[in-house]
Amino acid sequence: MGSAAASPQPSGNLTQDELKRVAAHRAVEFVESGMTLGLGTGSTAAHALDRLGDLLRAGALPGVAGVPTSLKTEAHAARVGIPLLPLDAASGASIRLSIDGADEVDPDLNLVKGRGGSLLREKMIEGAGDRFVVIVDESKLVPRLGCTGAVPVEVIPFGAPHTLGLIRKVFDGVPGFHARLRTVPAANGEDSDAPFLTDNGNYIVEMFFEDGIRGDLLDISDRLLRITGVIEHGMFLGMATTVIVANKDGTVTVINKKKMNQAVSSTSTRGRGKSERVWTYFEDEALLKALFELSLDPKWKSEGSFKNGYLSVLKATLAEKIPGCGLTAVPHIESRVRHFRTKYGAIEVMLANSGFSWDENRKMVQCEKQQYEDHCKRHPDAKGLYGISFPHLDTLAAIYGKDIATGKGAEGLGDAISNLEKEITLEESHDREVEEDSMSRETPRWASDRNLLDSTSSTSKRRKRDKGNEVRKSSDPFLDMLGEFRDDLKNASNHFGKMTEIMEREAKLQEEAAHKDPMQVLQQKSITELTRLGFTSTELVKAASVFVNVPNQMTMLFALPETLRRGFILNMLANEAQKN
């Protein structure tokens, strides 16, 4: 067996291309025999392809194959001898590692990619893998996305100028913003430049920002993807797991997402068993996605309540989706679920009163400051919501909305007593603070409307106790009510009858679910997911028509990462519109 050429040794005063090569060679060290890789596109990724080719020709890394993110990468990989697979031959779980460059990396490891035009395939492949290693030189590190150049958006050719106008409306009033269709120089004999075409035959809109993107990146992402005609954008939010930075002096810095989270998500212990944890935005996203899926399963939720053991299921799901996150069922997940339910309920109460409204663009409650403060005196659970973006309202409505609207408070009589006693025991054991005002650490800091916030606002508040009174208050009003009447409830004559009735209903629901047609279940799940993603009634009807004719579209919907699902459906609807 021959030996591969040695990776270059760093030295000072390297050119930018040499720095790219240093970072790329370091990334290839993550590759192991038998891996299926996502192969990126661009000048930095090209160095990784060359290094992989050297190793494969030397007999190292047997069994390695790659899934290319562009036609250019496909040709390059074939030229250096890397075996290739199409995406449909490599299920999401089998893509162990993706390696690619980036145009920009912000402090939260969000990326701008796709200035070369390959953003859609890059996002599909790199979002389907277990790990995404990004290779850059330090010039790509920015304080905010969009600081150094264009943020690309892939759009269908039909009606592209109209789509461009809708994109401009999203940023109407943003100083220094402008957008244009990317073009290439005119061919001989043509009068004007031609639109740039992606490998998918689509156009690229380039968005430019005077001082980077200021706002809630996830909200901006969603607003762009809601535009009919937009297929995908070049903001890769929360996807990178490792960023390798080649410094000017030739040294390499490796930034792992896990370590970054540890730096901003401190865990401290004060008192017996007490734990405080700041959740990242993407941990919240994973938690609510898992909770939503559990809410659709009658095995875990019926009669408005989640069943015992669901916290352990959530813990296992999060451990799989976010390796190394260290989240525990109690107190971490239990406390966060309670926080979200409490805040969702508080928002619903506010919106039921005159003077309160919901700003769909900024995802926050709108009202007068004095009215809000007066409301909080009567409803303490509403504290911490003024001027703060709350992007999870739609998902929480899908999970809890029906329960709250119909008064199915989450538990039957017997379950309520049992669960109340367990909650009190847990609270006494852990003696912890409720994280009710702790917003996600990775929610962009500009998501708050600073014109509405007092400078004295805090991110975490202690649970208050009445002076001379040791009675504890939970953050769930329903549990507080049960606590006050616990002794009376324990002696209720219909206690066991109620429990039996609940068990019979649950058994009936499970039996009905077991006999449902699997296709019907998939259809219902798909429509529920589209509703959660915010599609209109008209869009739901159109999507349902496609699902009837092409059932595989539903399967692909749930095979994709959640961040890509909305774009997938919008692309599906756009293609269907072109057919008609």
Protein backbone atom coordinates (compact mmCIF):
# COMPACT_ATOMS: atom_id res chain seq x y z
CA MET A 1 0.00 0.00 0.00
CA GLY A 2 1.38 3.39 -0.97
CA SER A 3 1.29 6.44 1.22
CA ALA A 4 -0.63 9.62 0.59
CA ALA A 5 1.10 12.93 0.20
CA ALA A 6 1.53 14.60 3.56
CA SER A 7 -0.78 17.41 4.57
CA PRO A 8 1.00 20.77 4.22
CA GLN A 9 2.65 22.12 7.35
CA PRO A 10 1.40 25.58 8.32
CA SER A 11 3.77 28.47 8.15
CA GLY A 12 3.35 32.21 8.52
CA ASN A 13 2.32 34.65 5.79
CA LEU A 14 0.26 32.19 3.74
CA THR A 15 -1.84 33.32 0.79
CA GLN A 16 -5.61 33.03 1.04
CA ASP A 17 -5.61 29.95 -1.19
CA GLU A 18 -2.95 28.32 0.99
CA LEU A 19 -5.04 29.05 4.06
CA LYS A 20 -8.02 27.38 2.40
CA ARG A 21 -5.90 24.32 1.74
CA VAL A 22 -4.72 24.17 5.36
CA ALA A 23 -8.32 24.25 6.63
CA ALA A 24 -9.49 21.73 4.04
CA HIS A 25 -6.77 19.22 4.89
CA ARG A 26 -7.64 19.54 8.57
CA ALA A 27 -11.29 18.80 7.79
CA VAL A 28 -10.39 15.64 5.88
CA GLU A 29 -8.89 14.29 9.10
CA PHE A 30 -12.48 13.78 10.30
CA VAL A 31 -13.13 11.27 7.49
CA GLU A 32 -13.13 7.57 8.42
CA SER A 33 -13.21 4.42 6.33
CA GLY A 34 -16.65 3.43 5.06
CA MET A 35 -18.17 6.90 5.40
CA THR A 36 -20.58 8.41 2.90
CA LEU A 37 -19.70 12.08 2.59
CA GLY A 38 -21.49 15.20 1.45
CA LEU A 39 -19.06 16.89 -0.96
CA GLY A 40 -19.24 20.68 -0.99
CA THR A 41 -18.78 23.15 -3.83
CA GLY A 42 -16.33 26.01 -4.23
CA SER A 43 -12.62 26.78 -4.12
CA THR A 44 -12.19 25.77 -0.47
CA ALA A 45 -14.11 22.51 -0.85
CA ALA A 46 -12.01 21.74 -3.94
CA HIS A 47 -8.92 21.42 -1.73
CA ALA A 48 -10.77 18.85 0.40
CA LEU A 49 -11.67 16.88 -2.75
CA ASP A 50 -8.04 16.86 -3.87
CA ARG A 51 -6.90 15.63 -0.46
CA LEU A 52 -9.53 12.89 -0.41
CA GLY A 53 -8.47 11.80 -3.89
CA ASP A 54 -4.84 11.57 -2.75
CA LEU A 55 -5.80 9.39 0.22
CA LEU A 56 -8.06 7.11 -1.82
CA ARG A 57 -5.44 6.58 -4.52
CA ALA A 58 -2.95 5.66 -1.78
CA GLY A 59 -5.31 2.95 -0.52
CA ALA A 60 -6.39 4.81 2.59
CA LEU A 61 -10.04 5.27 3.64
CA PRO A 62 -11.54 2.19 1.96
CA GLY A 63 -15.28 2.27 1.38
CA VAL A 64 -15.56 6.05 1.28
CA ALA A 65 -18.06 7.49 -1.22
CA GLY A 66 -19.42 10.98 -1.79
CA VAL A 67 -22.67 12.73 -2.65
CA PRO A 68 -21.86 15.84 -4.76
CA THR A 69 -23.62 19.16 -4.16
CA SER A 70 -23.15 20.44 -7.73
CA LEU A 71 -22.32 19.33 -11.25
CA LYS A 72 -18.92 21.00 -10.87
CA THR A 73 -18.19 18.99 -7.73
CA GLU A 74 -19.41 15.83 -9.43
CA ALA A 75 -16.90 16.33 -12.25
CA HIS A 76 -14.06 17.22 -9.86
CA ALA A 77 -14.71 14.20 -7.62
CA ALA A 78 -14.80 11.84 -10.58
CA ARG A 79 -11.55 13.32 -11.85
CA VAL A 80 -9.69 12.65 -8.57
CA GLY A 81 -11.19 9.18 -8.13
CA ILE A 82 -13.84 9.64 -5.43
CA PRO A 83 -16.70 7.11 -5.82
CA LEU A 84 -20.04 8.93 -6.10
CA LEU A 85 -23.61 8.25 -5.03
CA PRO A 86 -26.80 10.17 -5.87
CA LEU A 87 -28.72 11.61 -2.93
CA ASP A 88 -31.62 9.20 -3.35
CA ALA A 89 -29.19 6.28 -3.00
CA ALA A 90 -27.85 7.65 0.29
CA SER A 91 -30.52 7.98 2.96
CA GLY A 92 -30.16 10.92 5.33
CA ALA A 93 -28.82 8.75 8.14
CA SER A 94 -26.04 7.31 5.98
CA ILE A 95 -24.42 10.66 5.13
CA ARG A 96 -22.08 10.68 8.09
CA LEU A 97 -20.16 13.86 7.32
CA SER A 98 -20.36 16.83 4.94
CA ILE A 99 -17.40 19.11 4.19
CA ASP A 100 -17.87 22.49 2.54
CA GLY A 101 -16.74 26.09 2.62
CA ALA A 102 -18.82 29.13 3.49
CA ASP A 103 -18.98 32.74 2.39
CA GLU A 104 -19.66 34.01 5.92
CA VAL A 105 -19.77 32.59 9.46
CA ASP A 106 -21.36 34.53 12.32
CA PRO A 107 -20.62 34.08 16.06
CA ASP A 108 -23.46 31.54 16.40
CA LEU A 109 -22.04 29.44 13.50
CA ASN A 110 -24.84 30.50 11.15
CA LEU A 111 -23.61 30.68 7.57
CA VAL A 112 -24.08 32.43 4.26
CA LYS A 113 -23.42 29.99 1.44
CA GLY A 114 -24.28 29.61 -2.20
CA ARG A 115 -22.74 32.68 -3.79
CA GLY A 116 -21.56 30.24 -6.44
CA GLY A 117 -25.17 29.22 -7.08
CA SER A 118 -25.24 25.73 -5.51
CA LEU A 119 -27.15 26.61 -2.35
CA LEU A 120 -30.19 24.36 -2.88
CA ARG A 121 -28.28 21.12 -3.40
CA GLU A 122 -25.82 22.09 -0.68
CA LYS A 123 -28.60 22.63 1.84
CA MET A 124 -30.39 19.41 0.89
CA ILE A 125 -27.29 17.24 1.21
CA GLU A 126 -25.57 18.97 4.12
CA GLY A 127 -28.84 19.20 6.03
CA ALA A 128 -29.41 15.46 5.63
CA GLY A 129 -26.13 14.38 7.23
CA ASP A 130 -25.08 13.67 10.79
CA ARG A 131 -22.26 16.22 10.89
CA PHE A 132 -21.42 19.31 8.85
CA VAL A 133 -17.81 20.55 8.95
CA VAL A 134 -17.28 24.03 7.50
CA ILE A 135 -13.83 25.15 6.32
CA VAL A 136 -12.94 28.84 6.06
CA ASP A 137 -10.11 31.30 6.50
CA GLU A 138 -10.52 33.98 9.14
CA SER A 139 -11.64 36.59 6.60
CA LYS A 140 -15.00 34.77 6.48
CA LEU A 141 -15.78 35.43 10.16
CA VAL A 142 -18.36 38.23 10.45
CA PRO A 143 -20.36 39.85 13.26
CA ARG A 144 -23.60 39.49 11.28
CA LEU A 145 -24.61 37.61 8.15
CA GLY A 146 -24.68 39.69 4.99
CA CYS A 147 -21.79 41.97 6.01
CA THR A 148 -19.39 41.18 3.17
CA GLY A 149 -21.49 40.51 0.10
CA ALA A 150 -24.61 39.02 -1.42
CA VAL A 151 -27.02 36.68 0.34
CA PRO A 152 -28.38 34.52 -2.50
CA VAL A 153 -31.97 33.38 -2.97
CA GLU A 154 -32.85 30.71 -5.56
CA VAL A 155 -36.09 31.43 -7.44
CA ILE A 156 -37.94 29.80 -10.30
CA PRO A 157 -37.53 31.55 -13.68
CA PHE A 158 -41.27 32.01 -14.19
CA GLY A 159 -42.24 35.45 -12.92
CA ALA A 160 -38.76 36.09 -11.53
CA PRO A 161 -39.08 39.92 -11.68
CA HIS A 162 -42.34 39.64 -9.72
CA THR A 163 -40.65 37.40 -7.14
CA LEU A 164 -37.79 39.90 -6.91
CA GLY A 165 -40.32 42.61 -6.07
CA LEU A 166 -41.83 40.49 -3.29
CA ILE A 167 -38.37 39.86 -1.83
CA ARG A 168 -37.74 43.60 -1.79
CA LYS A 169 -40.99 44.12 0.13
CA VAL A 170 -39.73 41.86 2.94
CA PHE A 171 -36.95 44.39 3.58
CA ASP A 172 -38.94 47.51 2.76
CA GLY A 173 -37.55 50.38 4.82
CA VAL A 174 -34.26 48.66 5.70
CA PRO A 175 -31.53 51.28 5.10
CA GLY A 176 -29.12 50.42 2.31
CA PHE A 177 -30.91 47.22 1.23
CA HIS A 178 -31.11 46.37 -2.44
CA ALA A 179 -31.66 43.21 -4.46
CA ARG A 180 -31.13 42.20 -8.07
CA LEU A 181 -31.20 39.20 -10.37
CA ARG A 182 -27.74 37.75 -10.94
CA THR A 183 -26.68 37.88 -14.57
CA VAL A 184 -23.79 36.64 -16.69
CA PRO A 185 -22.14 38.57 -19.53
CA ALA A 186 -24.02 38.48 -22.80
CA ALA A 187 -22.91 35.96 -25.39
CA ASN A 188 -21.69 37.14 -28.76
CA GLY A 189 -24.47 38.73 -30.74
CA GLU A 190 -26.77 39.32 -27.75
CA ASP A 191 -27.71 42.80 -26.61
CA SER A 192 -28.08 42.28 -22.85
CA ASP A 193 -26.71 40.11 -20.09
CA ALA A 194 -28.44 36.78 -19.49
CA PRO A 195 -29.78 35.52 -16.14
CA PHE A 196 -27.43 33.23 -14.24
CA LEU A 197 -28.75 29.65 -14.21
CA THR A 198 -28.21 27.22 -11.33
CA ASP A 199 -27.64 23.50 -11.85
CA ASN A 200 -31.39 23.16 -11.30
CA GLY A 201 -32.23 25.61 -14.10
CA ASN A 202 -33.33 28.34 -11.68
CA TYR A 203 -32.36 32.00 -11.22
CA ILE A 204 -30.52 33.66 -8.32
CA VAL A 205 -31.63 36.85 -6.59
CA GLU A 206 -28.77 38.60 -4.78
CA MET A 207 -29.68 40.51 -1.60
CA PHE A 208 -27.28 43.18 -0.32
CA PHE A 209 -27.29 44.75 3.15
CA GLU A 210 -25.46 47.91 4.14
CA ASP A 211 -24.37 46.57 7.53
CA GLY A 212 -25.50 42.97 7.57
CA ILE A 213 -28.87 41.43 8.39
CA ARG A 214 -30.41 42.89 11.53
CA GLY A 215 -33.42 41.01 12.81
CA ASP A 216 -34.61 37.55 13.73
CA LEU A 217 -32.85 35.33 11.20
CA LEU A 218 -35.38 32.52 11.51
CA ASP A 219 -38.27 34.91 11.06
CA ILE A 220 -36.59 36.43 7.99
CA SER A 221 -35.96 32.93 6.65
CA ASP A 222 -39.61 32.01 7.07
CA ARG A 223 -40.83 35.21 5.43
CA LEU A 224 -38.63 34.58 2.39
CA LEU A 225 -39.73 30.96 2.06
CA ARG A 226 -43.39 32.02 2.22
CA ILE A 227 -42.98 33.85 -1.10
CA THR A 228 -44.36 31.75 -3.94
CA GLY A 229 -41.52 31.47 -6.42
CA VAL A 230 -38.75 31.35 -3.82
CA ILE A 231 -37.18 27.90 -3.63
CA GLU A 232 -34.42 28.37 -1.03
CA HIS A 233 -32.08 30.99 0.40
CA GLY A 234 -28.39 30.97 1.28
CA MET A 235 -28.72 31.40 5.05
CA PHE A 236 -27.68 28.09 6.63
CA LEU A 237 -29.04 28.53 10.15
CA GLY A 238 -27.97 26.14 12.89
CA MET A 239 -26.62 23.56 10.44
CA ALA A 240 -22.85 23.72 11.02
CA THR A 241 -21.57 21.40 13.75
CA THR A 242 -17.88 22.27 13.37
CA VAL A 243 -16.10 25.25 11.82
CA ILE A 244 -12.39 24.98 10.97
CA VAL A 245 -10.71 28.38 10.65
CA ALA A 246 -7.30 28.83 9.03
CA ASN A 247 -5.63 31.84 10.66
CA LYS A 248 -3.26 34.23 8.91
CA ASP A 249 -0.27 32.81 10.79
CA GLY A 250 -1.02 29.33 9.44
CA THR A 251 -2.50 27.95 12.65
CA VAL A 252 -5.91 26.30 12.68
CA THR A 253 -8.80 26.94 15.08
CA VAL A 254 -11.51 24.29 15.41
CA ILE A 255 -14.85 25.53 16.76
CA ASN A 256 -17.34 22.84 17.72
CA LYS A 257 -21.00 23.71 18.15
CA LYS A 258 -21.14 21.67 21.34
CA LYS A 259 -18.29 23.60 22.91
CA MET A 260 -19.76 26.89 21.81
CA ASN A 261 -23.04 25.97 23.49
CA GLN A 262 -21.19 25.10 26.67
CA ALA A 263 -19.60 28.52 26.64
CA VAL A 264 -22.93 30.32 26.46
CA SER A 265 -25.09 27.79 28.31
CA SER A 266 -23.61 27.79 31.77
CA THR A 267 -24.75 25.19 34.25
CA SER A 268 -24.44 26.12 37.87
CA THR A 269 -25.58 24.50 41.06
CA ARG A 270 -26.87 26.62 43.88
CA GLY A 271 -28.54 24.74 46.66
CA ARG A 272 -29.60 21.13 46.76
CA GLY A 273 -29.91 19.68 43.28
CA LYS A 274 -30.68 23.03 41.70
CA SER A 275 -29.90 23.37 38.00
CA GLU A 276 -30.09 26.43 35.76
CA ARG A 277 -29.64 26.04 32.01
CA VAL A 278 -29.89 28.52 29.16
CA TRP A 279 -31.41 26.78 26.16
CA THR A 280 -30.23 27.54 22.62
CA TYR A 281 -32.76 28.41 19.96
CA PHE A 282 -32.10 25.20 18.07
CA GLU A 283 -32.50 23.07 21.20
CA ASP A 284 -35.90 24.73 21.61
CA GLU A 285 -36.71 23.94 17.98
CA ALA A 286 -35.77 20.27 18.44
CA LEU A 287 -37.73 20.04 21.70
CA LEU A 288 -40.91 21.52 20.25
CA LYS A 289 -40.67 19.41 17.12
CA ALA A 290 -40.39 16.27 19.27
CA LEU A 291 -43.23 17.43 21.53
CA PHE A 292 -45.43 18.17 18.51
CA GLU A 293 -44.83 14.70 17.08
CA LEU A 294 -45.65 13.12 20.45
CA SER A 295 -48.86 15.13 20.61
CA LEU A 296 -50.04 13.39 17.41
CA ASP A 297 -49.47 9.93 18.87
CA PRO A 298 -52.41 8.63 20.95
CA LYS A 299 -49.95 6.35 22.71
CA TRP A 300 -48.42 9.43 24.35
CA LYS A 301 -51.20 12.03 24.37
CA SER A 302 -54.94 11.64 24.72
CA GLU A 303 -57.73 13.54 26.42
CA GLY A 304 -55.49 16.59 26.32
CA SER A 305 -52.71 15.15 28.48
CA PHE A 306 -49.26 13.72 27.90
CA LYS A 307 -48.80 10.37 29.58
CA ASN A 308 -46.22 9.36 32.15
CA GLY A 309 -42.86 8.65 30.55
CA TYR A 310 -43.13 11.24 27.77
CA LEU A 311 -40.26 13.27 29.25
CA SER A 312 -37.96 10.25 28.85
CA VAL A 313 -39.01 9.96 25.20
CA LEU A 314 -38.20 13.64 24.67
CA LYS A 315 -34.82 13.17 26.35
CA ALA A 316 -33.94 10.26 24.05
CA THR A 317 -35.07 12.19 20.96
CA LEU A 318 -32.99 15.25 21.87
CA ALA A 319 -29.95 13.10 22.63
CA GLU A 320 -30.26 11.62 19.13
CA LYS A 321 -30.86 14.94 17.35
CA ILE A 322 -28.31 16.98 19.34
CA PRO A 323 -25.50 14.63 20.43
CA GLY A 324 -23.73 15.80 23.55
CA CYS A 325 -26.40 18.33 24.55
CA GLY A 326 -26.57 16.88 28.07
CA LEU A 327 -30.27 17.64 28.52
CA THR A 328 -32.01 15.65 31.26
CA ALA A 329 -35.70 14.80 31.60
CA VAL A 330 -35.75 16.45 35.04
CA PRO A 331 -35.17 19.28 35.55
CA HIS A 332 -34.16 20.51 32.07
CA ILE A 333 -36.88 19.23 29.73
CA GLU A 334 -39.66 19.25 32.31
CA SER A 335 -38.92 22.88 33.19
CA ARG A 336 -38.67 24.00 29.56
CA VAL A 337 -41.93 22.30 28.55
CA ARG A 338 -43.66 23.95 31.48
CA HIS A 339 -42.13 27.29 30.51
CA PHE A 340 -43.47 27.05 26.96
CA ARG A 341 -46.94 25.95 28.02
CA THR A 342 -47.11 28.74 30.58
CA LYS A 343 -45.99 31.42 28.13
CA TYR A 344 -48.30 30.12 25.41
CA GLY A 345 -51.22 30.26 27.83
CA ALA A 346 -50.21 33.76 28.92
CA ILE A 347 -50.17 34.99 25.31
CA GLU A 348 -53.58 33.44 24.63
CA VAL A 349 -54.99 35.21 27.69
CA MET A 350 -53.57 38.54 26.51
CA LEU A 351 -54.88 38.15 22.98
CA ALA A 352 -58.34 37.40 24.34
CA ASN A 353 -58.43 40.91 25.85
CA SER A 354 -58.99 44.15 23.96
CA GLY A 355 -55.92 46.27 23.35
CA PHE A 356 -53.65 43.29 22.68
CA SER A 357 -52.77 42.08 19.19
CA TRP A 358 -50.25 39.74 17.57
CA ASP A 359 -47.56 41.06 15.22
CA GLU A 360 -47.12 38.20 12.76
CA ASN A 361 -43.98 39.69 11.23
CA ARG A 362 -42.08 40.22 14.47
CA LYS A 363 -43.78 37.31 16.29
CA MET A 364 -44.61 39.32 19.38
CA VAL A 365 -47.54 40.76 21.31
CA GLN A 366 -48.37 44.40 20.56
CA CYS A 367 -49.89 46.66 23.22
CA GLU A 368 -49.30 49.82 25.23
CA LYS A 369 -46.59 49.50 27.88
CA GLN A 370 -48.85 50.66 30.72
CA GLN A 371 -51.58 48.24 29.68
CA TYR A 372 -49.06 45.40 29.70
CA GLU A 373 -47.79 46.29 33.17
CA ASP A 374 -51.34 46.46 34.52
CA HIS A 375 -52.10 43.09 32.95
CA CYS A 376 -49.03 41.50 34.57
CA LYS A 377 -50.24 42.57 38.01
CA ARG A 378 -53.26 40.31 37.50
CA HIS A 379 -51.49 37.69 35.37
CA PRO A 380 -47.85 37.24 36.52
CA ASP A 381 -47.22 34.52 33.92
CA ALA A 382 -47.22 37.22 31.23
CA LYS A 383 -44.02 38.75 32.59
CA GLY A 384 -41.08 38.73 30.21
CA LEU A 385 -43.15 38.87 27.02
CA TYR A 386 -43.24 42.61 26.35
CA GLY A 387 -41.23 43.53 23.25
CA ILE A 388 -39.80 40.00 23.03
CA SER A 389 -40.08 37.82 19.94
CA PHE A 390 -41.85 34.51 20.63
CA PRO A 391 -41.42 32.56 17.37
CA HIS A 392 -42.88 29.28 18.63
CA LEU A 393 -46.51 30.37 19.03
CA ASP A 394 -47.84 28.47 16.00
CA THR A 395 -46.16 25.22 17.04
CA LEU A 396 -47.44 25.54 20.60
CA ALA A 397 -50.93 26.26 19.30
CA ALA A 398 -50.80 22.99 17.36
CA ILE A 399 -49.75 21.17 20.55
CA TYR A 400 -51.88 22.85 23.21
CA GLY A 401 -54.40 25.07 21.47
CA LYS A 402 -57.21 22.56 21.32
CA ASP A 403 -56.71 21.54 24.93
CA ILE A 404 -56.92 25.12 26.17
CA ALA A 405 -59.78 26.06 23.86
CA THR A 406 -61.93 23.09 24.91
CA GLY A 407 -60.97 23.19 28.54
CA LYS A 408 -59.34 19.76 28.47
CA GLY A 409 -56.84 20.88 30.98
CA ALA A 410 -54.32 18.12 30.45
CA GLU A 411 -55.32 15.65 33.13
CA GLY A 412 -58.22 13.62 34.38
CA LEU A 413 -59.08 13.86 38.07
CA GLY A 414 -56.98 10.94 39.26
CA ASP A 415 -54.05 11.79 36.99
CA ALA A 416 -54.15 15.40 38.14
CA ILE A 417 -53.78 14.42 41.79
CA SER A 418 -51.01 11.94 41.04
CA ASN A 419 -49.10 14.29 38.78
CA LEU A 420 -49.51 17.19 41.19
CA GLU A 421 -47.93 15.17 43.99
CA LYS A 422 -45.06 14.19 41.67
CA GLU A 423 -44.51 17.81 40.64
CA ILE A 424 -44.44 18.99 44.26
CA THR A 425 -42.00 16.22 45.16
CA LEU A 426 -39.75 17.15 42.24
CA GLU A 427 -39.85 20.83 43.13
CA GLU A 428 -38.97 20.13 46.76
CA SER A 429 -36.19 17.79 45.67
CA HIS A 430 -34.61 20.15 43.18
CA ASP A 431 -35.55 23.49 44.80
CA ARG A 432 -35.04 25.16 41.45
CA GLU A 433 -36.07 28.36 39.74
CA VAL A 434 -38.60 28.29 36.97
CA GLU A 435 -36.91 29.55 33.82
CA GLU A 436 -40.04 31.42 32.82
CA ASP A 437 -38.33 34.56 31.54
CA SER A 438 -35.27 32.87 30.07
CA MET A 439 -35.52 33.22 26.30
CA SER A 440 -33.36 31.08 24.02
CA ARG A 441 -29.72 32.12 24.23
CA GLU A 442 -29.28 31.72 20.52
CA THR A 443 -32.38 33.70 19.60
CA PRO A 444 -30.76 36.63 17.82
CA ARG A 445 -30.32 39.50 20.21
CA TRP A 446 -31.98 41.88 17.81
CA ALA A 447 -35.23 39.86 18.01
CA SER A 448 -36.24 42.13 20.90
CA ASP A 449 -37.71 45.52 20.14
CA ARG A 450 -35.31 47.64 22.16
CA ASN A 451 -37.54 50.68 21.84
CA LEU A 452 -40.12 48.86 23.94
CA LEU A 453 -37.86 47.31 26.58
CA ASP A 454 -36.76 48.88 29.83
CA SER A 455 -33.03 48.88 30.43
CA THR A 456 -33.66 47.11 33.69
CA SER A 457 -35.22 44.04 32.04
CA SER A 458 -33.64 40.81 33.21
CA THR A 459 -33.40 37.41 31.57
CA SER A 460 -34.22 35.28 34.56
CA LYS A 461 -36.29 35.94 37.66
CA ARG A 462 -36.64 34.04 40.90
CA ARG A 463 -39.98 32.60 41.90
CA LYS A 464 -41.48 34.92 44.47
CA ARG A 465 -42.95 33.77 47.74
CA ASP A 466 -45.49 35.55 49.90
CA LYS A 467 -43.90 36.84 53.08
CA GLY A 468 -44.39 34.40 55.90
CA ASN A 469 -45.96 31.89 53.59
CA GLU A 470 -44.05 28.84 52.43
CA VAL A 471 -46.70 27.65 49.96
CA ARG A 472 -45.01 27.17 46.60
CA LYS A 473 -46.57 28.37 43.39
CA SER A 474 -45.97 26.56 40.13
CA SER A 475 -45.96 28.34 36.78
CA ASP A 476 -49.07 26.40 35.68
CA PRO A 477 -52.32 28.01 36.96
CA PHE A 478 -54.12 24.69 36.57
CA LEU A 479 -51.68 23.00 38.94
CA ASP A 480 -51.99 25.88 41.40
CA MET A 481 -55.76 25.40 41.49
CA LEU A 482 -55.36 21.68 42.05
CA GLY A 483 -52.83 22.31 44.80
CA GLU A 484 -55.26 24.46 46.73
CA PHE A 485 -57.92 21.77 46.66
CA ARG A 486 -55.70 18.69 46.75
CA ASP A 487 -57.02 17.37 50.06
CA ASP A 488 -60.63 17.73 48.95
CA LEU A 489 -59.88 16.07 45.64
CA LYS A 490 -58.22 13.12 47.32
CA ASN A 491 -61.47 12.40 49.16
CA ALA A 492 -63.71 12.79 46.12
CA SER A 493 -66.05 9.83 45.90
CA ASN A 494 -65.79 9.52 42.13
CA HIS A 495 -61.97 9.40 42.09
CA PHE A 496 -61.57 5.81 40.92
CA GLY A 497 -64.57 5.99 38.62
CA LYS A 498 -63.01 8.94 36.82
CA MET A 499 -59.69 7.13 36.45
CA THR A 500 -61.46 4.08 35.00
CA GLU A 501 -63.37 6.26 32.55
CA ILE A 502 -60.14 7.90 31.36
CA MET A 503 -58.40 4.54 30.94
CA GLU A 504 -61.31 3.22 28.88
CA ARG A 505 -61.24 6.25 26.59
CA GLU A 506 -57.48 5.95 26.13
CA ALA A 507 -57.78 2.26 25.28
CA LYS A 508 -60.48 3.07 22.72
CA LEU A 509 -58.32 5.75 21.10
CA GLN A 510 -55.35 3.39 20.87
CA GLU A 511 -57.54 0.67 19.34
CA GLU A 512 -58.91 3.11 16.75
CA ALA A 513 -55.40 4.28 15.88
CA ALA A 514 -54.20 0.69 15.41
CA HIS A 515 -56.91 0.02 12.81
CA LYS A 516 -56.45 3.20 10.80
CA ASP A 517 -55.25 2.96 7.22
CA PRO A 518 -51.50 3.86 7.27
CA MET A 519 -51.98 6.10 4.23
CA GLN A 520 -54.80 7.95 5.97
CA VAL A 521 -52.59 8.45 9.03
CA LEU A 522 -49.78 9.78 6.80
CA GLN A 523 -52.19 12.14 5.04
CA GLN A 524 -53.51 13.49 8.33
CA LYS A 525 -49.99 13.89 9.68
CA SER A 526 -48.92 15.73 6.51
CA ILE A 527 -51.81 18.20 6.64
CA THR A 528 -51.16 18.79 10.34
CA GLU A 529 -47.50 19.48 9.58
CA LEU A 530 -48.38 21.93 6.79
CA THR A 531 -50.78 23.71 9.14
CA ARG A 532 -48.01 23.97 11.72
CA LEU A 533 -45.69 25.41 9.06
CA GLY A 534 -48.18 28.22 8.47
CA PHE A 535 -49.59 27.39 5.04
CA THR A 536 -52.86 29.05 4.03
CA SER A 537 -56.12 27.16 3.44
CA THR A 538 -55.69 27.53 -0.32
CA GLU A 539 -52.15 26.16 -0.14
CA LEU A 540 -53.35 23.23 2.00
CA VAL A 541 -55.96 22.29 -0.59
CA LYS A 542 -53.41 22.47 -3.41
CA ALA A 543 -50.90 20.41 -1.43
CA ALA A 544 -53.55 17.81 -0.58
CA SER A 545 -54.31 17.41 -4.29
CA VAL A 546 -50.64 16.72 -4.99
CA PHE A 547 -50.44 14.25 -2.08
CA VAL A 548 -53.37 12.26 -3.49
CA ASN A 549 -51.67 11.92 -6.88
CA VAL A 550 -48.07 11.59 -5.65
CA PRO A 551 -48.08 9.97 -2.16
CA ASN A 552 -44.26 9.79 -2.14
CA GLN A 553 -44.22 13.57 -1.64
CA MET A 554 -45.57 13.00 1.88
CA THR A 555 -42.84 10.47 2.63
CA MET A 556 -40.15 12.86 1.40
CA LEU A 557 -41.65 15.69 3.48
CA PHE A 558 -40.95 13.85 6.73
CA ALA A 559 -37.61 12.51 5.49
CA LEU A 560 -36.28 16.06 5.20
CA PRO A 561 -34.95 18.08 8.16
CA GLU A 562 -37.60 20.42 9.55
CA THR A 563 -35.72 23.49 8.33
CA LEU A 564 -36.14 22.33 4.71
CA ARG A 565 -39.78 21.20 4.81
CA ARG A 566 -41.40 24.54 4.08
CA GLY A 567 -39.11 25.15 1.12
CA PHE A 568 -39.84 21.64 -0.17
CA ILE A 569 -43.61 22.24 -0.13
CA LEU A 570 -43.29 25.68 -1.72
CA ASN A 571 -41.16 24.16 -4.49
CA MET A 572 -43.72 21.37 -4.94
CA LEU A 573 -46.57 23.88 -5.25
CA ALA A 574 -44.58 26.05 -7.66
CA ASN A 575 -43.85 23.05 -9.89
CA GLU A 576 -47.52 22.08 -9.80
CA ALA A 577 -48.50 25.62 -10.80
CA GLN A 578 -46.16 25.46 -13.80
CA LYS A 579 -47.78 22.20 -14.95
CA ASN A 580 -51.18 23.84 -14.91
